[in-house]
Amino acid sequence: MMHTAVGWHVDLEFEEDSHRTRAAALVRLPDGAEVRAHGYASRHPSDKEQPRVGEEIAGARALNELAMKMLTKAHDEIDEASGRTSHPLT
């Protein structure tokens, strides 16, 4: 039996200003499909500037949304292939 190694690369990009961080996540799948998601973090005016923390929060939120979109995509593909409604994947 032959095993095939498959790899996915997830790109995360950040945009920051003095009070807000935006993260954009993108995964390109072997079938050519792309799934995108975004996450945000806001700094309270009384908090110290810590860009890394904003990136971690915004990045985690983008990855969380990306994960949910991937689960939905897989769920839809199961339904399409089986011709019936499956149980939601969580």
N, C-alpha and C. Protein backbone atom coordinates (compact mmCIF):
# COMPACT_ATOMS: atom_id res chain seq x y z
N MET A 1 0.85 -1.17 0.00
CA MET A 1 0.00 0.00 0.00
C MET A 1 0.90 1.24 0.00
N MET A 2 0.57 2.20 -0.86
CA MET A 2 1.36 3.41 -0.98
C MET A 2 0.76 4.51 -0.11
N HIS A 3 1.61 5.22 0.62
CA HIS A 3 1.18 6.34 1.44
C HIS A 3 1.64 7.63 0.78
N THR A 4 0.75 8.59 0.75
CA THR A 4 1.09 9.88 0.16
C THR A 4 1.12 10.93 1.25
N ALA A 5 2.20 11.67 1.29
CA ALA A 5 2.31 12.76 2.26
C ALA A 5 1.67 14.01 1.66
N VAL A 6 0.81 14.63 2.41
CA VAL A 6 0.14 15.85 1.98
C VAL A 6 0.49 16.93 2.98
N GLY A 7 0.81 18.11 2.48
CA GLY A 7 1.11 19.22 3.37
C GLY A 7 0.26 20.43 3.01
N TRP A 8 -0.12 21.16 4.01
CA TRP A 8 -0.85 22.42 3.82
C TRP A 8 0.02 23.53 4.38
N HIS A 9 0.02 24.64 3.71
CA HIS A 9 0.72 25.82 4.21
C HIS A 9 -0.31 26.88 4.54
N VAL A 10 -0.25 27.37 5.75
CA VAL A 10 -1.16 28.43 6.19
C VAL A 10 -0.35 29.72 6.26
N ASP A 11 -0.84 30.73 5.58
CA ASP A 11 -0.21 32.05 5.62
C ASP A 11 -0.98 32.94 6.57
N LEU A 12 -0.25 33.66 7.41
CA LEU A 12 -0.85 34.66 8.30
C LEU A 12 -0.16 35.99 8.03
N GLU A 13 -0.95 37.01 7.79
CA GLU A 13 -0.42 38.35 7.60
C GLU A 13 -1.10 39.29 8.58
N PHE A 14 -0.36 40.29 9.03
CA PHE A 14 -0.87 41.21 10.04
C PHE A 14 -0.79 42.65 9.56
N GLU A 15 -1.78 43.42 9.95
CA GLU A 15 -1.77 44.87 9.77
C GLU A 15 -2.04 45.46 11.14
N GLU A 16 -1.23 46.45 11.51
CA GLU A 16 -1.36 47.02 12.85
C GLU A 16 -1.36 48.54 12.79
N ASP A 17 -2.13 49.14 13.68
CA ASP A 17 -1.97 50.55 13.97
C ASP A 17 -1.80 50.66 15.48
N SER A 18 -1.91 51.82 16.03
CA SER A 18 -1.60 51.97 17.45
C SER A 18 -2.64 51.33 18.37
N HIS A 19 -3.83 51.01 17.86
CA HIS A 19 -4.87 50.47 18.74
C HIS A 19 -5.48 49.15 18.25
N ARG A 20 -5.18 48.73 17.04
CA ARG A 20 -5.87 47.57 16.49
C ARG A 20 -4.92 46.73 15.65
N THR A 21 -5.10 45.41 15.72
CA THR A 21 -4.34 44.47 14.90
C THR A 21 -5.33 43.62 14.12
N ARG A 22 -5.06 43.47 12.83
CA ARG A 22 -5.90 42.65 11.96
C ARG A 22 -5.03 41.52 11.42
N ALA A 23 -5.54 40.30 11.49
CA ALA A 23 -4.84 39.13 10.94
C ALA A 23 -5.65 38.55 9.80
N ALA A 24 -4.97 38.16 8.75
CA ALA A 24 -5.60 37.48 7.61
C ALA A 24 -4.92 36.12 7.48
N ALA A 25 -5.74 35.07 7.47
CA ALA A 25 -5.23 33.70 7.34
C ALA A 25 -5.69 33.14 6.00
N LEU A 26 -4.81 32.38 5.38
CA LEU A 26 -5.11 31.76 4.09
C LEU A 26 -4.50 30.38 4.06
N VAL A 27 -5.28 29.39 3.65
CA VAL A 27 -4.75 28.04 3.42
C VAL A 27 -5.10 27.67 1.98
N ARG A 28 -4.11 27.14 1.28
CA ARG A 28 -4.31 26.63 -0.08
C ARG A 28 -4.32 25.11 0.00
N LEU A 29 -5.40 24.54 -0.48
CA LEU A 29 -5.57 23.08 -0.40
C LEU A 29 -5.08 22.41 -1.68
N PRO A 30 -4.75 21.13 -1.61
CA PRO A 30 -4.22 20.43 -2.78
C PRO A 30 -5.16 20.45 -4.00
N ASP A 31 -6.47 20.60 -3.78
CA ASP A 31 -7.41 20.65 -4.90
C ASP A 31 -7.50 22.04 -5.53
N GLY A 32 -6.68 22.97 -5.04
CA GLY A 32 -6.68 24.32 -5.58
C GLY A 32 -7.57 25.29 -4.84
N ALA A 33 -8.40 24.78 -3.96
CA ALA A 33 -9.30 25.65 -3.19
C ALA A 33 -8.49 26.48 -2.20
N GLU A 34 -8.96 27.69 -1.96
CA GLU A 34 -8.38 28.56 -0.94
C GLU A 34 -9.45 28.89 0.09
N VAL A 35 -9.07 28.85 1.35
CA VAL A 35 -9.98 29.22 2.43
C VAL A 35 -9.32 30.38 3.17
N ARG A 36 -10.09 31.44 3.36
CA ARG A 36 -9.57 32.66 4.00
C ARG A 36 -10.38 32.98 5.25
N ALA A 37 -9.73 33.60 6.21
CA ALA A 37 -10.40 34.02 7.44
C ALA A 37 -9.67 35.22 8.01
N HIS A 38 -10.35 35.93 8.91
CA HIS A 38 -9.77 37.13 9.51
C HIS A 38 -9.99 37.11 11.02
N GLY A 39 -9.12 37.79 11.72
CA GLY A 39 -9.25 37.96 13.16
C GLY A 39 -8.76 39.34 13.55
N TYR A 40 -9.28 39.85 14.64
CA TYR A 40 -8.95 41.20 15.08
C TYR A 40 -8.62 41.21 16.56
N ALA A 41 -7.83 42.18 16.95
CA ALA A 41 -7.55 42.44 18.36
C ALA A 41 -7.49 43.95 18.53
N SER A 42 -8.04 44.43 19.62
CA SER A 42 -8.00 45.86 19.93
C SER A 42 -7.30 46.07 21.25
N ARG A 43 -6.51 47.14 21.32
CA ARG A 43 -5.80 47.48 22.55
C ARG A 43 -6.56 48.57 23.27
N HIS A 44 -6.80 48.34 24.53
CA HIS A 44 -7.43 49.38 25.35
C HIS A 44 -6.45 50.52 25.51
N PRO A 45 -6.91 51.78 25.47
CA PRO A 45 -5.98 52.91 25.57
C PRO A 45 -5.08 52.90 26.81
N SER A 46 -5.53 52.28 27.89
CA SER A 46 -4.71 52.25 29.11
C SER A 46 -3.67 51.12 29.10
N ASP A 47 -3.75 50.20 28.13
CA ASP A 47 -2.78 49.11 28.04
C ASP A 47 -1.50 49.57 27.37
N LYS A 48 -0.38 48.94 27.75
CA LYS A 48 0.90 49.19 27.09
C LYS A 48 0.84 48.68 25.65
N GLU A 49 1.64 49.29 24.79
CA GLU A 49 1.76 48.77 23.43
C GLU A 49 2.56 47.48 23.46
N GLN A 50 1.96 46.40 23.02
CA GLN A 50 2.62 45.11 22.92
C GLN A 50 2.18 44.47 21.60
N PRO A 51 2.81 44.86 20.51
CA PRO A 51 2.38 44.37 19.19
C PRO A 51 2.31 42.86 19.09
N ARG A 52 3.24 42.16 19.72
CA ARG A 52 3.25 40.69 19.65
C ARG A 52 1.97 40.11 20.25
N VAL A 53 1.50 40.68 21.34
CA VAL A 53 0.27 40.17 21.98
C VAL A 53 -0.92 40.39 21.05
N GLY A 54 -0.99 41.57 20.43
CA GLY A 54 -2.06 41.82 19.47
C GLY A 54 -2.03 40.84 18.31
N GLU A 55 -0.82 40.53 17.84
CA GLU A 55 -0.69 39.55 16.75
C GLU A 55 -1.14 38.17 17.20
N GLU A 56 -0.78 37.78 18.42
CA GLU A 56 -1.17 36.46 18.92
C GLU A 56 -2.69 36.34 19.02
N ILE A 57 -3.33 37.38 19.54
CA ILE A 57 -4.79 37.33 19.70
C ILE A 57 -5.47 37.36 18.34
N ALA A 58 -5.09 38.31 17.49
CA ALA A 58 -5.72 38.40 16.17
C ALA A 58 -5.43 37.14 15.35
N GLY A 59 -4.19 36.63 15.43
CA GLY A 59 -3.83 35.41 14.71
C GLY A 59 -4.62 34.20 15.19
N ALA A 60 -4.77 34.07 16.49
CA ALA A 60 -5.55 32.95 17.04
C ALA A 60 -7.01 33.03 16.60
N ARG A 61 -7.56 34.22 16.59
CA ARG A 61 -8.94 34.39 16.15
C ARG A 61 -9.10 34.08 14.66
N ALA A 62 -8.13 34.47 13.86
CA ALA A 62 -8.18 34.15 12.43
C ALA A 62 -8.06 32.64 12.21
N LEU A 63 -7.16 32.00 12.94
CA LEU A 63 -7.01 30.55 12.81
C LEU A 63 -8.25 29.81 13.30
N ASN A 64 -8.89 30.31 14.35
CA ASN A 64 -10.12 29.71 14.83
C ASN A 64 -11.21 29.79 13.76
N GLU A 65 -11.35 30.97 13.14
CA GLU A 65 -12.34 31.10 12.08
C GLU A 65 -11.99 30.20 10.90
N LEU A 66 -10.70 30.11 10.57
CA LEU A 66 -10.26 29.24 9.49
C LEU A 66 -10.62 27.78 9.79
N ALA A 67 -10.41 27.36 11.01
CA ALA A 67 -10.76 25.99 11.41
C ALA A 67 -12.26 25.73 11.24
N MET A 68 -13.09 26.68 11.64
CA MET A 68 -14.53 26.51 11.51
C MET A 68 -14.95 26.45 10.04
N LYS A 69 -14.32 27.26 9.20
CA LYS A 69 -14.62 27.22 7.77
C LYS A 69 -14.19 25.89 7.15
N MET A 70 -13.06 25.35 7.61
CA MET A 70 -12.60 24.05 7.11
C MET A 70 -13.56 22.94 7.52
N LEU A 71 -14.05 22.99 8.76
CA LEU A 71 -15.04 22.00 9.21
C LEU A 71 -16.32 22.10 8.39
N THR A 72 -16.77 23.30 8.11
CA THR A 72 -17.97 23.49 7.30
C THR A 72 -17.75 22.96 5.89
N LYS A 73 -16.58 23.24 5.31
CA LYS A 73 -16.27 22.74 3.98
C LYS A 73 -16.29 21.21 3.95
N ALA A 74 -15.67 20.59 4.93
CA ALA A 74 -15.64 19.13 4.99
C ALA A 74 -17.06 18.57 5.17
N HIS A 75 -17.85 19.21 6.02
CA HIS A 75 -19.22 18.79 6.26
C HIS A 75 -20.03 18.86 4.96
N ASP A 76 -19.88 19.95 4.22
CA ASP A 76 -20.60 20.09 2.95
C ASP A 76 -20.16 19.04 1.94
N GLU A 77 -18.87 18.70 1.92
CA GLU A 77 -18.38 17.67 1.00
C GLU A 77 -18.90 16.29 1.37
N ILE A 78 -19.03 16.02 2.66
CA ILE A 78 -19.61 14.74 3.10
C ILE A 78 -21.06 14.65 2.64
N ASP A 79 -21.81 15.73 2.84
CA ASP A 79 -23.22 15.75 2.42
C ASP A 79 -23.35 15.54 0.92
N GLU A 80 -22.50 16.23 0.15
CA GLU A 80 -22.57 16.12 -1.30
C GLU A 80 -22.24 14.72 -1.78
N ALA A 81 -21.22 14.12 -1.20
CA ALA A 81 -20.79 12.78 -1.62
C ALA A 81 -21.78 11.70 -1.20
N SER A 82 -22.42 11.88 -0.06
CA SER A 82 -23.33 10.85 0.45
C SER A 82 -24.77 11.04 0.01
N GLY A 83 -25.11 12.26 -0.42
CA GLY A 83 -26.47 12.53 -0.83
C GLY A 83 -27.45 12.63 0.32
N ARG A 84 -26.94 12.81 1.50
CA ARG A 84 -27.81 12.96 2.67
C ARG A 84 -27.22 14.02 3.59
N THR A 85 -28.01 14.41 4.58
CA THR A 85 -27.54 15.39 5.55
C THR A 85 -26.81 14.68 6.68
N SER A 86 -25.59 15.08 6.91
CA SER A 86 -24.79 14.46 7.98
C SER A 86 -24.86 15.32 9.23
N HIS A 87 -24.32 14.78 10.29
CA HIS A 87 -24.26 15.52 11.55
C HIS A 87 -23.16 16.55 11.47
N PRO A 88 -23.39 17.74 11.99
CA PRO A 88 -22.35 18.79 11.93
C PRO A 88 -21.06 18.31 12.60
N LEU A 89 -19.96 18.70 12.02
CA LEU A 89 -18.64 18.40 12.59
C LEU A 89 -18.26 19.54 13.51
N THR A 90 -17.84 19.22 14.71
CA THR A 90 -17.41 20.26 15.66
C THR A 90 -16.12 19.87 16.29
